[in-house]
N, C-alpha and C. Protein backbone atom coordinates (compact mmCIF):
# COMPACT_ATOMS: atom_id res chain seq x y z
N MET A 1 0.85 -1.20 0.00
CA MET A 1 0.00 0.00 0.00
C MET A 1 0.89 1.24 0.00
N THR A 2 0.58 2.19 -0.84
CA THR A 2 1.39 3.40 -0.97
C THR A 2 0.98 4.44 0.07
N ARG A 3 1.98 4.99 0.75
CA ARG A 3 1.67 6.01 1.76
C ARG A 3 1.39 7.35 1.10
N SER A 4 0.52 8.08 1.76
CA SER A 4 0.23 9.44 1.28
C SER A 4 1.40 10.34 1.57
N PRO A 5 1.81 11.20 0.64
CA PRO A 5 2.94 12.10 0.87
C PRO A 5 2.60 13.29 1.75
N ALA A 6 1.35 13.43 2.16
CA ALA A 6 0.95 14.61 2.94
C ALA A 6 1.77 14.80 4.21
N PRO A 7 2.01 13.74 5.03
CA PRO A 7 2.78 13.95 6.26
C PRO A 7 4.18 14.46 6.00
N LEU A 8 4.80 14.13 4.83
CA LEU A 8 6.14 14.59 4.53
C LEU A 8 6.16 16.07 4.16
N LEU A 9 5.10 16.57 3.61
CA LEU A 9 5.04 17.96 3.18
C LEU A 9 4.68 18.91 4.31
N ARG A 10 4.00 18.40 5.39
CA ARG A 10 3.51 19.26 6.45
C ARG A 10 4.63 19.99 7.18
N PRO A 11 5.75 19.35 7.57
CA PRO A 11 6.80 20.09 8.28
C PRO A 11 7.39 21.20 7.44
N VAL A 12 7.52 20.97 6.11
CA VAL A 12 8.06 22.01 5.23
C VAL A 12 7.13 23.20 5.20
N ALA A 13 5.82 22.94 5.14
CA ALA A 13 4.85 24.03 5.11
C ALA A 13 4.88 24.81 6.41
N ILE A 14 4.99 24.12 7.55
CA ILE A 14 5.04 24.79 8.84
C ILE A 14 6.29 25.65 8.96
N ALA A 15 7.43 25.11 8.49
CA ALA A 15 8.67 25.87 8.57
C ALA A 15 8.60 27.13 7.71
N ALA A 16 8.01 26.99 6.51
CA ALA A 16 7.89 28.14 5.62
C ALA A 16 6.99 29.20 6.24
N THR A 17 5.90 28.78 6.91
CA THR A 17 5.00 29.74 7.55
C THR A 17 5.69 30.45 8.69
N ALA A 18 6.48 29.71 9.47
CA ALA A 18 7.19 30.32 10.60
C ALA A 18 8.19 31.36 10.11
N LEU A 19 8.88 31.06 8.99
CA LEU A 19 9.85 32.00 8.44
C LEU A 19 9.16 33.28 7.97
N ALA A 20 7.99 33.14 7.37
CA ALA A 20 7.27 34.31 6.88
C ALA A 20 6.79 35.19 8.03
N LEU A 21 6.47 34.57 9.16
CA LEU A 21 5.94 35.34 10.28
C LEU A 21 7.04 36.01 11.09
N THR A 22 8.25 35.42 11.13
CA THR A 22 9.30 35.98 11.98
C THR A 22 9.94 37.21 11.39
N ALA A 23 10.10 37.25 10.07
CA ALA A 23 10.75 38.40 9.46
C ALA A 23 10.46 38.43 7.97
N CYS A 24 10.53 39.62 7.36
CA CYS A 24 10.36 39.76 5.92
C CYS A 24 11.73 39.62 5.28
N VAL A 25 12.10 38.44 4.91
CA VAL A 25 13.42 38.16 4.36
C VAL A 25 13.27 37.82 2.89
N SER A 26 14.08 38.47 2.03
CA SER A 26 14.06 38.17 0.59
C SER A 26 14.90 36.93 0.33
N LEU A 27 14.31 35.96 -0.33
CA LEU A 27 15.03 34.74 -0.67
C LEU A 27 15.69 34.85 -2.04
N LEU A 28 15.48 35.95 -2.77
CA LEU A 28 16.07 36.14 -4.09
C LEU A 28 17.41 36.84 -3.96
N PRO A 29 18.42 36.42 -4.70
CA PRO A 29 19.73 37.09 -4.63
C PRO A 29 19.64 38.50 -5.19
N LYS A 30 20.38 39.41 -4.58
CA LYS A 30 20.41 40.79 -5.06
C LYS A 30 21.26 40.85 -6.33
N THR A 31 20.75 41.53 -7.33
CA THR A 31 21.47 41.66 -8.59
C THR A 31 21.69 43.13 -8.90
N LYS A 32 22.81 43.39 -9.58
CA LYS A 32 23.13 44.75 -9.97
C LYS A 32 22.21 45.16 -11.12
N PRO A 33 21.57 46.34 -11.04
CA PRO A 33 20.71 46.78 -12.14
C PRO A 33 21.53 47.01 -13.40
N ALA A 34 20.98 46.64 -14.54
CA ALA A 34 21.69 46.76 -15.80
C ALA A 34 21.75 48.21 -16.25
N ASP A 35 22.88 48.59 -16.85
CA ASP A 35 23.01 49.91 -17.45
C ASP A 35 22.32 49.89 -18.81
N LEU A 36 21.55 50.93 -19.10
CA LEU A 36 20.76 50.99 -20.34
C LEU A 36 21.39 51.95 -21.34
N TYR A 37 21.41 51.54 -22.60
CA TYR A 37 21.98 52.35 -23.68
C TYR A 37 21.05 52.29 -24.89
N ARG A 38 21.26 53.20 -25.83
CA ARG A 38 20.53 53.18 -27.07
C ARG A 38 21.46 53.55 -28.21
N PHE A 39 21.05 53.29 -29.42
CA PHE A 39 21.78 53.70 -30.62
C PHE A 39 20.78 54.30 -31.58
N GLY A 40 21.29 54.94 -32.61
CA GLY A 40 20.40 55.57 -33.59
C GLY A 40 20.21 57.04 -33.31
N MET A 41 19.52 57.70 -34.21
CA MET A 41 19.28 59.14 -34.06
C MET A 41 18.44 59.42 -32.83
N PRO A 42 18.79 60.45 -32.04
CA PRO A 42 18.02 60.77 -30.84
C PRO A 42 16.56 61.04 -31.17
N ALA A 43 15.67 60.64 -30.26
CA ALA A 43 14.24 60.89 -30.44
C ALA A 43 13.98 62.38 -30.48
N GLY A 44 13.06 62.80 -31.32
CA GLY A 44 12.71 64.21 -31.40
C GLY A 44 13.51 64.99 -32.42
N ALA A 45 14.36 64.29 -33.20
CA ALA A 45 15.13 64.99 -34.22
C ALA A 45 14.18 65.53 -35.28
N GLU A 46 14.46 66.75 -35.74
CA GLU A 46 13.56 67.41 -36.68
C GLU A 46 13.70 66.81 -38.08
N ALA A 47 12.57 66.64 -38.72
CA ALA A 47 12.57 66.13 -40.08
C ALA A 47 12.93 67.25 -41.05
N VAL A 48 13.56 66.89 -42.15
CA VAL A 48 13.95 67.84 -43.17
C VAL A 48 12.85 67.92 -44.22
N THR A 49 12.59 69.12 -44.72
CA THR A 49 11.59 69.27 -45.77
C THR A 49 12.04 68.55 -47.03
N ALA A 50 11.22 67.65 -47.50
CA ALA A 50 11.59 66.83 -48.65
C ALA A 50 11.57 67.64 -49.94
N ALA A 51 12.39 67.21 -50.87
CA ALA A 51 12.45 67.87 -52.17
C ALA A 51 11.18 67.57 -52.96
N PRO A 52 10.87 68.40 -53.97
CA PRO A 52 9.70 68.14 -54.81
C PRO A 52 9.82 66.78 -55.48
N GLY A 53 8.68 66.19 -55.83
CA GLY A 53 8.69 64.91 -56.50
C GLY A 53 8.92 63.75 -55.56
N GLN A 54 8.26 63.75 -54.41
CA GLN A 54 8.41 62.66 -53.45
C GLN A 54 7.95 61.34 -54.05
N VAL A 55 8.62 60.28 -53.63
CA VAL A 55 8.26 58.94 -54.08
C VAL A 55 7.97 58.10 -52.84
N GLY A 56 6.75 57.56 -52.78
CA GLY A 56 6.36 56.75 -51.64
C GLY A 56 7.04 55.39 -51.66
N VAL A 57 7.65 55.01 -50.54
CA VAL A 57 8.33 53.72 -50.40
C VAL A 57 7.76 53.02 -49.17
N PHE A 58 7.15 51.87 -49.39
CA PHE A 58 6.61 51.12 -48.26
C PHE A 58 7.68 50.17 -47.74
N ARG A 59 7.97 50.26 -46.45
CA ARG A 59 8.96 49.38 -45.84
C ARG A 59 8.25 48.15 -45.28
N THR A 60 8.50 47.01 -45.89
CA THR A 60 7.85 45.78 -45.48
C THR A 60 8.57 45.12 -44.31
N ASN A 61 7.92 44.15 -43.69
CA ASN A 61 8.53 43.42 -42.59
C ASN A 61 9.78 42.70 -43.07
N ALA A 62 10.80 42.67 -42.23
CA ALA A 62 12.07 42.08 -42.61
C ALA A 62 12.61 41.24 -41.46
N VAL A 63 13.79 40.69 -41.66
CA VAL A 63 14.43 39.82 -40.67
C VAL A 63 15.55 40.56 -39.97
N PHE A 64 15.63 40.40 -38.65
CA PHE A 64 16.72 40.96 -37.87
C PHE A 64 17.45 39.78 -37.22
N GLN A 65 18.77 39.82 -37.25
CA GLN A 65 19.57 38.73 -36.67
C GLN A 65 18.98 38.30 -35.32
N ARG A 66 18.56 37.05 -35.24
CA ARG A 66 17.80 36.60 -34.07
C ARG A 66 18.57 36.75 -32.77
N GLU A 67 19.86 36.41 -32.77
CA GLU A 67 20.64 36.42 -31.53
C GLU A 67 20.81 37.81 -30.94
N SER A 68 20.73 38.84 -31.77
CA SER A 68 20.94 40.20 -31.30
C SER A 68 19.69 41.06 -31.38
N ALA A 69 18.54 40.46 -31.70
CA ALA A 69 17.31 41.24 -31.87
C ALA A 69 16.74 41.74 -30.56
N GLY A 70 17.12 41.13 -29.45
CA GLY A 70 16.61 41.54 -28.14
C GLY A 70 17.36 42.73 -27.58
N ASP A 71 17.35 42.85 -26.25
CA ASP A 71 17.95 44.03 -25.63
C ASP A 71 19.36 43.79 -25.11
N ARG A 72 19.98 42.67 -25.47
CA ARG A 72 21.33 42.37 -25.01
C ARG A 72 22.34 42.59 -26.14
N ILE A 73 23.56 42.97 -25.77
CA ILE A 73 24.60 43.28 -26.74
C ILE A 73 25.39 42.01 -27.04
N LEU A 74 25.31 41.55 -28.28
CA LEU A 74 25.93 40.30 -28.69
C LEU A 74 27.40 40.50 -29.05
N THR A 75 28.26 39.58 -28.56
CA THR A 75 29.68 39.63 -28.89
C THR A 75 30.14 38.26 -29.38
N PHE A 76 31.23 38.27 -30.16
CA PHE A 76 31.86 37.02 -30.61
C PHE A 76 33.35 37.10 -30.33
N THR A 77 33.87 36.06 -29.67
CA THR A 77 35.29 35.95 -29.39
C THR A 77 35.75 34.56 -29.80
N GLU A 78 36.59 34.49 -30.83
CA GLU A 78 37.10 33.21 -31.33
C GLU A 78 35.95 32.23 -31.61
N GLY A 79 34.90 32.74 -32.21
CA GLY A 79 33.77 31.91 -32.59
C GLY A 79 32.77 31.64 -31.49
N LYS A 80 33.05 32.10 -30.28
CA LYS A 80 32.14 31.88 -29.16
C LYS A 80 31.27 33.12 -28.94
N ALA A 81 29.96 32.89 -28.84
CA ALA A 81 29.02 33.99 -28.64
C ALA A 81 28.79 34.23 -27.16
N ALA A 82 28.62 35.50 -26.79
CA ALA A 82 28.32 35.87 -25.41
C ALA A 82 27.66 37.24 -25.43
N TYR A 83 27.01 37.58 -24.31
CA TYR A 83 26.39 38.88 -24.16
C TYR A 83 27.15 39.69 -23.13
N VAL A 84 27.19 41.01 -23.33
CA VAL A 84 27.86 41.90 -22.38
C VAL A 84 27.09 41.89 -21.07
N ALA A 85 27.78 41.65 -19.97
CA ALA A 85 27.13 41.53 -18.67
C ALA A 85 26.64 42.88 -18.16
N ASP A 86 25.52 42.85 -17.44
CA ASP A 86 24.97 44.03 -16.76
C ASP A 86 24.72 45.19 -17.71
N THR A 87 24.43 44.88 -18.95
CA THR A 87 24.23 45.93 -19.96
C THR A 87 23.06 45.55 -20.86
N ARG A 88 22.21 46.52 -21.15
CA ARG A 88 21.05 46.29 -22.00
C ARG A 88 20.85 47.51 -22.91
N TRP A 89 20.24 47.24 -24.06
CA TRP A 89 19.68 48.34 -24.84
C TRP A 89 18.40 48.79 -24.14
N VAL A 90 18.04 50.04 -24.28
CA VAL A 90 16.86 50.56 -23.61
C VAL A 90 15.58 49.92 -24.15
N ALA A 91 15.66 49.35 -25.33
CA ALA A 91 14.56 48.60 -25.97
C ALA A 91 15.21 47.53 -26.83
N PRO A 92 14.46 46.54 -27.30
CA PRO A 92 15.06 45.55 -28.19
C PRO A 92 15.78 46.20 -29.37
N ALA A 93 16.91 45.65 -29.75
CA ALA A 93 17.70 46.23 -30.84
C ALA A 93 16.89 46.34 -32.13
N ALA A 94 16.01 45.37 -32.38
CA ALA A 94 15.18 45.43 -33.59
C ALA A 94 14.26 46.64 -33.57
N VAL A 95 13.77 47.02 -32.40
CA VAL A 95 12.90 48.19 -32.28
C VAL A 95 13.69 49.47 -32.48
N LEU A 96 14.86 49.55 -31.84
CA LEU A 96 15.71 50.74 -32.00
C LEU A 96 16.16 50.89 -33.45
N TRP A 97 16.39 49.77 -34.13
CA TRP A 97 16.77 49.80 -35.54
C TRP A 97 15.64 50.39 -36.38
N ASP A 98 14.42 49.96 -36.15
CA ASP A 98 13.28 50.49 -36.89
C ASP A 98 13.16 52.00 -36.70
N GLU A 99 13.34 52.46 -35.46
CA GLU A 99 13.28 53.89 -35.19
C GLU A 99 14.40 54.64 -35.91
N ALA A 100 15.58 54.04 -35.95
CA ALA A 100 16.72 54.68 -36.61
C ALA A 100 16.49 54.77 -38.12
N VAL A 101 15.89 53.74 -38.71
CA VAL A 101 15.60 53.76 -40.15
C VAL A 101 14.64 54.90 -40.49
N LEU A 102 13.55 55.00 -39.74
CA LEU A 102 12.58 56.06 -40.00
C LEU A 102 13.20 57.44 -39.81
N ALA A 103 14.01 57.59 -38.75
CA ALA A 103 14.63 58.88 -38.49
C ALA A 103 15.62 59.25 -39.59
N ALA A 104 16.33 58.27 -40.13
CA ALA A 104 17.30 58.54 -41.19
C ALA A 104 16.61 59.03 -42.46
N PHE A 105 15.49 58.42 -42.83
CA PHE A 105 14.75 58.86 -44.00
C PHE A 105 14.08 60.21 -43.77
N ASP A 106 13.57 60.43 -42.54
CA ASP A 106 12.94 61.71 -42.23
C ASP A 106 13.94 62.86 -42.30
N ALA A 107 15.19 62.58 -41.95
CA ALA A 107 16.20 63.64 -41.91
C ALA A 107 16.86 63.89 -43.26
N ASP A 108 16.48 63.11 -44.26
CA ASP A 108 17.11 63.24 -45.59
C ASP A 108 16.16 63.96 -46.54
N PRO A 109 16.67 64.92 -47.33
CA PRO A 109 15.80 65.69 -48.23
C PRO A 109 15.53 65.00 -49.56
N GLY A 110 16.01 63.79 -49.74
CA GLY A 110 15.82 63.08 -51.00
C GLY A 110 14.37 62.74 -51.27
N PRO A 111 14.09 62.20 -52.45
CA PRO A 111 12.69 61.96 -52.87
C PRO A 111 12.01 60.80 -52.14
N ALA A 112 12.78 59.80 -51.68
CA ALA A 112 12.17 58.63 -51.06
C ALA A 112 11.54 58.99 -49.72
N ARG A 113 10.28 58.63 -49.57
CA ARG A 113 9.57 58.88 -48.32
C ARG A 113 8.95 57.58 -47.84
N ILE A 114 9.32 57.18 -46.63
CA ILE A 114 8.84 55.91 -46.09
C ILE A 114 7.37 56.02 -45.70
N ILE A 115 6.57 55.07 -46.18
CA ILE A 115 5.16 54.99 -45.82
C ILE A 115 4.99 53.79 -44.91
N SER A 116 4.50 54.03 -43.71
CA SER A 116 4.32 52.96 -42.74
C SER A 116 2.98 52.27 -42.96
N ARG A 117 2.87 51.08 -42.40
CA ARG A 117 1.63 50.31 -42.52
C ARG A 117 0.46 51.08 -41.90
N GLY A 118 -0.62 51.20 -42.64
CA GLY A 118 -1.80 51.91 -42.15
C GLY A 118 -1.78 53.39 -42.43
N GLU A 119 -0.66 53.90 -42.93
CA GLU A 119 -0.57 55.33 -43.23
C GLU A 119 -1.14 55.59 -44.62
N PRO A 120 -1.93 56.66 -44.77
CA PRO A 120 -2.49 56.96 -46.08
C PRO A 120 -1.41 57.34 -47.08
N GLY A 121 -1.63 56.97 -48.30
CA GLY A 121 -0.65 57.28 -49.33
C GLY A 121 -0.31 56.04 -50.13
N SER A 122 0.04 56.24 -51.39
CA SER A 122 0.38 55.12 -52.26
C SER A 122 1.89 54.95 -52.31
N ALA A 123 2.33 53.70 -52.42
CA ALA A 123 3.75 53.39 -52.46
C ALA A 123 4.13 52.91 -53.85
N ALA A 124 5.06 53.60 -54.48
CA ALA A 124 5.54 53.19 -55.80
C ALA A 124 6.55 52.07 -55.68
N TYR A 125 7.19 51.94 -54.49
CA TYR A 125 8.20 50.92 -54.28
C TYR A 125 8.01 50.25 -52.92
N ILE A 126 8.59 49.07 -52.82
CA ILE A 126 8.58 48.33 -51.56
C ILE A 126 10.03 48.06 -51.17
N LEU A 127 10.38 48.42 -49.95
CA LEU A 127 11.75 48.28 -49.46
C LEU A 127 11.80 47.25 -48.33
N ARG A 128 12.76 46.34 -48.42
CA ARG A 128 12.97 45.35 -47.36
C ARG A 128 14.42 45.46 -46.89
N LEU A 129 14.62 45.57 -45.59
CA LEU A 129 15.96 45.66 -45.00
C LEU A 129 16.16 44.51 -44.02
N ASP A 130 16.95 43.53 -44.41
CA ASP A 130 17.27 42.41 -43.54
C ASP A 130 18.60 42.67 -42.85
N VAL A 131 18.58 42.71 -41.51
CA VAL A 131 19.81 42.92 -40.74
C VAL A 131 20.46 41.55 -40.54
N ARG A 132 21.54 41.29 -41.26
CA ARG A 132 22.20 39.99 -41.22
C ARG A 132 23.15 39.88 -40.04
N ASN A 133 23.84 40.98 -39.74
CA ASN A 133 24.80 40.98 -38.62
C ASN A 133 24.64 42.26 -37.82
N PHE A 134 24.62 42.10 -36.49
CA PHE A 134 24.52 43.25 -35.60
C PHE A 134 25.23 42.82 -34.31
N GLU A 135 26.56 42.97 -34.29
CA GLU A 135 27.35 42.35 -33.23
C GLU A 135 28.69 43.05 -33.04
N ALA A 136 29.32 42.76 -31.92
CA ALA A 136 30.67 43.25 -31.61
C ALA A 136 31.62 42.06 -31.67
N ARG A 137 32.65 42.15 -32.50
CA ARG A 137 33.58 41.05 -32.68
C ARG A 137 34.94 41.34 -32.04
N TYR A 138 35.36 40.43 -31.18
CA TYR A 138 36.68 40.54 -30.56
C TYR A 138 37.68 39.77 -31.42
N ASP A 139 38.03 40.35 -32.55
CA ASP A 139 38.92 39.69 -33.50
C ASP A 139 40.37 39.66 -33.03
N HIS A 140 40.73 40.51 -32.09
CA HIS A 140 42.11 40.59 -31.63
C HIS A 140 42.25 40.19 -30.17
N GLY A 141 41.35 39.35 -29.71
CA GLY A 141 41.44 38.86 -28.35
C GLY A 141 40.39 39.49 -27.45
N PRO A 142 40.08 38.83 -26.32
CA PRO A 142 39.01 39.30 -25.43
C PRO A 142 39.31 40.59 -24.69
N LYS A 143 40.58 41.01 -24.66
CA LYS A 143 40.93 42.23 -23.94
C LYS A 143 41.10 43.44 -24.86
N ALA A 144 41.15 43.19 -26.15
CA ALA A 144 41.30 44.29 -27.10
C ALA A 144 39.95 44.92 -27.39
N ALA A 145 39.98 46.11 -27.95
CA ALA A 145 38.73 46.79 -28.32
C ALA A 145 38.06 46.02 -29.44
N PRO A 146 36.75 45.76 -29.33
CA PRO A 146 36.05 45.01 -30.37
C PRO A 146 35.68 45.87 -31.57
N THR A 147 35.33 45.20 -32.65
CA THR A 147 34.85 45.87 -33.85
C THR A 147 33.36 45.59 -34.01
N VAL A 148 32.58 46.64 -34.09
CA VAL A 148 31.14 46.51 -34.29
C VAL A 148 30.86 46.31 -35.77
N VAL A 149 30.07 45.29 -36.07
CA VAL A 149 29.73 44.97 -37.46
C VAL A 149 28.22 45.06 -37.65
N VAL A 150 27.81 45.90 -38.59
CA VAL A 150 26.40 46.01 -38.97
C VAL A 150 26.32 45.73 -40.46
N ARG A 151 25.63 44.65 -40.80
CA ARG A 151 25.53 44.21 -42.20
C ARG A 151 24.05 44.05 -42.56
N VAL A 152 23.65 44.71 -43.66
CA VAL A 152 22.24 44.76 -44.04
C VAL A 152 22.07 44.42 -45.51
N ARG A 153 21.08 43.59 -45.80
CA ARG A 153 20.69 43.33 -47.19
C ARG A 153 19.46 44.16 -47.49
N ALA A 154 19.57 45.00 -48.51
CA ALA A 154 18.45 45.84 -48.93
C ALA A 154 17.92 45.32 -50.27
N ALA A 155 16.59 45.28 -50.39
CA ALA A 155 15.96 44.85 -51.63
C ALA A 155 14.77 45.75 -51.92
N MET A 156 14.63 46.16 -53.18
CA MET A 156 13.51 47.02 -53.59
C MET A 156 12.78 46.41 -54.77
N THR A 157 11.48 46.52 -54.72
CA THR A 157 10.64 46.11 -55.83
C THR A 157 9.65 47.23 -56.13
N ARG A 158 9.17 47.26 -57.34
CA ARG A 158 8.13 48.21 -57.69
C ARG A 158 6.81 47.75 -57.09
N GLY A 159 6.00 48.70 -56.69
CA GLY A 159 4.72 48.34 -56.09
C GLY A 159 3.81 47.62 -57.05
N THR A 160 3.99 47.86 -58.36
CA THR A 160 3.13 47.24 -59.36
C THR A 160 3.75 45.99 -59.98
N ASP A 161 5.02 45.75 -59.72
CA ASP A 161 5.71 44.60 -60.31
C ASP A 161 6.64 44.00 -59.28
N ARG A 162 6.12 43.05 -58.50
CA ARG A 162 6.90 42.46 -57.42
C ARG A 162 8.08 41.63 -57.93
N ASN A 163 8.10 41.31 -59.22
CA ASN A 163 9.18 40.48 -59.74
C ASN A 163 10.43 41.29 -60.10
N ALA A 164 10.28 42.58 -60.23
CA ALA A 164 11.42 43.44 -60.55
C ALA A 164 12.16 43.78 -59.27
N VAL A 165 13.28 43.09 -59.01
CA VAL A 165 13.99 43.24 -57.75
C VAL A 165 15.40 43.79 -57.99
N VAL A 166 15.77 44.76 -57.18
CA VAL A 166 17.15 45.23 -57.14
C VAL A 166 17.60 45.13 -55.69
N GLU A 167 18.78 44.61 -55.45
CA GLU A 167 19.23 44.42 -54.08
C GLU A 167 20.71 44.73 -53.95
N LYS A 168 21.11 44.97 -52.69
CA LYS A 168 22.50 45.30 -52.42
C LYS A 168 22.80 45.03 -50.95
N ILE A 169 24.06 44.66 -50.67
CA ILE A 169 24.51 44.44 -49.31
C ILE A 169 25.26 45.67 -48.83
N PHE A 170 24.91 46.14 -47.65
CA PHE A 170 25.59 47.28 -47.04
C PHE A 170 26.23 46.82 -45.73
N GLU A 171 27.44 47.24 -45.49
CA GLU A 171 28.14 46.83 -44.27
C GLU A 171 29.05 47.94 -43.77
N LYS A 172 29.05 48.12 -42.46
CA LYS A 172 29.97 49.05 -41.81
C LYS A 172 30.62 48.34 -40.64
N GLN A 173 31.93 48.55 -40.52
CA GLN A 173 32.68 48.02 -39.39
C GLN A 173 33.38 49.18 -38.70
N VAL A 174 33.11 49.32 -37.42
CA VAL A 174 33.70 50.41 -36.63
C VAL A 174 34.36 49.82 -35.40
N THR A 175 35.64 50.04 -35.24
CA THR A 175 36.36 49.54 -34.07
C THR A 175 36.23 50.53 -32.92
N ALA A 176 35.81 50.06 -31.77
CA ALA A 176 35.67 50.92 -30.60
C ALA A 176 37.04 51.43 -30.17
N VAL A 177 37.07 52.59 -29.53
CA VAL A 177 38.34 53.17 -29.11
C VAL A 177 38.89 52.48 -27.87
N ASP A 178 38.06 51.70 -27.19
CA ASP A 178 38.49 51.01 -25.98
C ASP A 178 37.55 49.83 -25.73
N ASN A 179 37.98 48.91 -24.88
CA ASN A 179 37.16 47.75 -24.54
C ASN A 179 36.28 48.08 -23.33
N ARG A 180 35.46 49.10 -23.48
CA ARG A 180 34.51 49.50 -22.45
C ARG A 180 33.16 49.72 -23.12
N VAL A 181 32.10 49.46 -22.36
CA VAL A 181 30.76 49.63 -22.93
C VAL A 181 30.56 51.07 -23.39
N SER A 182 31.09 52.02 -22.62
CA SER A 182 30.93 53.44 -22.97
C SER A 182 31.63 53.78 -24.28
N ALA A 183 32.53 52.92 -24.74
CA ALA A 183 33.18 53.13 -26.03
C ALA A 183 32.58 52.25 -27.11
N ILE A 184 32.03 51.10 -26.72
CA ILE A 184 31.43 50.19 -27.70
C ILE A 184 30.11 50.74 -28.23
N VAL A 185 29.30 51.35 -27.36
CA VAL A 185 28.01 51.89 -27.80
C VAL A 185 28.18 52.97 -28.87
N PRO A 186 29.12 53.93 -28.72
CA PRO A 186 29.32 54.89 -29.81
C PRO A 186 29.74 54.22 -31.12
N ALA A 187 30.45 53.10 -31.03
CA ALA A 187 30.81 52.39 -32.26
C ALA A 187 29.56 51.84 -32.94
N TYR A 188 28.61 51.35 -32.16
CA TYR A 188 27.32 50.93 -32.73
C TYR A 188 26.64 52.12 -33.41
N ASP A 189 26.64 53.26 -32.74
CA ASP A 189 26.02 54.46 -33.31
C ASP A 189 26.63 54.80 -34.67
N GLN A 190 27.95 54.78 -34.73
CA GLN A 190 28.63 55.13 -35.98
C GLN A 190 28.34 54.11 -37.07
N ALA A 191 28.34 52.83 -36.72
CA ALA A 191 28.09 51.79 -37.71
C ALA A 191 26.67 51.87 -38.25
N VAL A 192 25.70 52.06 -37.36
CA VAL A 192 24.30 52.18 -37.78
C VAL A 192 24.11 53.41 -38.66
N ALA A 193 24.68 54.53 -38.23
CA ALA A 193 24.54 55.77 -39.01
C ALA A 193 25.18 55.63 -40.38
N GLY A 194 26.34 54.97 -40.44
CA GLY A 194 27.02 54.80 -41.72
C GLY A 194 26.24 53.92 -42.68
N VAL A 195 25.71 52.81 -42.17
CA VAL A 195 24.92 51.91 -43.01
C VAL A 195 23.66 52.61 -43.52
N LEU A 196 22.96 53.28 -42.61
CA LEU A 196 21.71 53.92 -43.01
C LEU A 196 21.94 55.09 -43.97
N LYS A 197 23.03 55.77 -43.83
CA LYS A 197 23.35 56.84 -44.79
C LYS A 197 23.46 56.27 -46.20
N ASP A 198 24.14 55.13 -46.32
CA ASP A 198 24.29 54.50 -47.63
C ASP A 198 22.96 53.92 -48.12
N VAL A 199 22.18 53.34 -47.22
CA VAL A 199 20.89 52.76 -47.59
C VAL A 199 19.96 53.85 -48.11
N VAL A 200 19.89 54.97 -47.41
CA VAL A 200 19.01 56.06 -47.83
C VAL A 200 19.44 56.60 -49.20
N ALA A 201 20.75 56.80 -49.40
CA ALA A 201 21.24 57.31 -50.68
C ALA A 201 20.91 56.34 -51.81
N TRP A 202 21.09 55.04 -51.56
CA TRP A 202 20.78 54.02 -52.58
C TRP A 202 19.29 53.99 -52.89
N THR A 203 18.47 54.10 -51.86
CA THR A 203 17.02 54.09 -52.06
C THR A 203 16.58 55.30 -52.88
N ASN A 204 17.16 56.45 -52.61
CA ASN A 204 16.84 57.65 -53.39
C ASN A 204 17.20 57.47 -54.86
N GLU A 205 18.30 56.76 -55.12
CA GLU A 205 18.71 56.52 -56.50
C GLU A 205 17.74 55.59 -57.22
N GLN A 206 17.21 54.61 -56.49
CA GLN A 206 16.32 53.63 -57.11
C GLN A 206 14.90 54.13 -57.26
N ALA A 207 14.48 55.00 -56.36
CA ALA A 207 13.07 55.46 -56.32
C ALA A 207 12.86 56.59 -57.31
N LYS A 208 12.55 56.24 -58.51
CA LYS A 208 12.31 57.23 -59.55
C LYS A 208 10.83 57.60 -59.61
N PRO A 209 10.52 58.88 -59.74
CA PRO A 209 9.11 59.28 -59.86
C PRO A 209 8.46 58.61 -61.06
N ALA A 210 7.20 58.29 -60.90
CA ALA A 210 6.45 57.64 -62.00
C ALA A 210 6.34 58.60 -63.16
């Protein structure tokens, strides 16, 4: 005959109740709060008045490197992946990237104008930006300053002819001035800004008025 486990659980329950009544003690280990950072153009940057002959470009859903799409900073050292400890982006990197893309197009006077989903207006082109790499690489050892790599595949199609595709790979590599988070984050800023500058210029070249 199998014994009921109830008598074995009762002393544990009594002990737990006694502990709760004697003092308010936290059983969770204390952790250091993470430092928060962001990249991309600062929020609230003023948009530039677009030149005549605007061309609507709809930015479709795309892929962001899965390992770095969240709020942690991805690093690679001799093929081994790791995240920077006690450090987070203020929002998921994929979200900050989307904000940076919109801000880059808003700040450019070229003809291409990004049309978001649900926004009124017709799109002559469809733009897809796949972020293939978004990481810090310790190519010269774990103690040396890392190199931030941002690599993006851009593809454009006409809104009326989805089969007409033009695409290009954009990549920027920026080596941080030191192996500190306060130096690595500006390297991300520079790499993102450099890639988006080229992406916007290329999009303006492809987006011809009807």
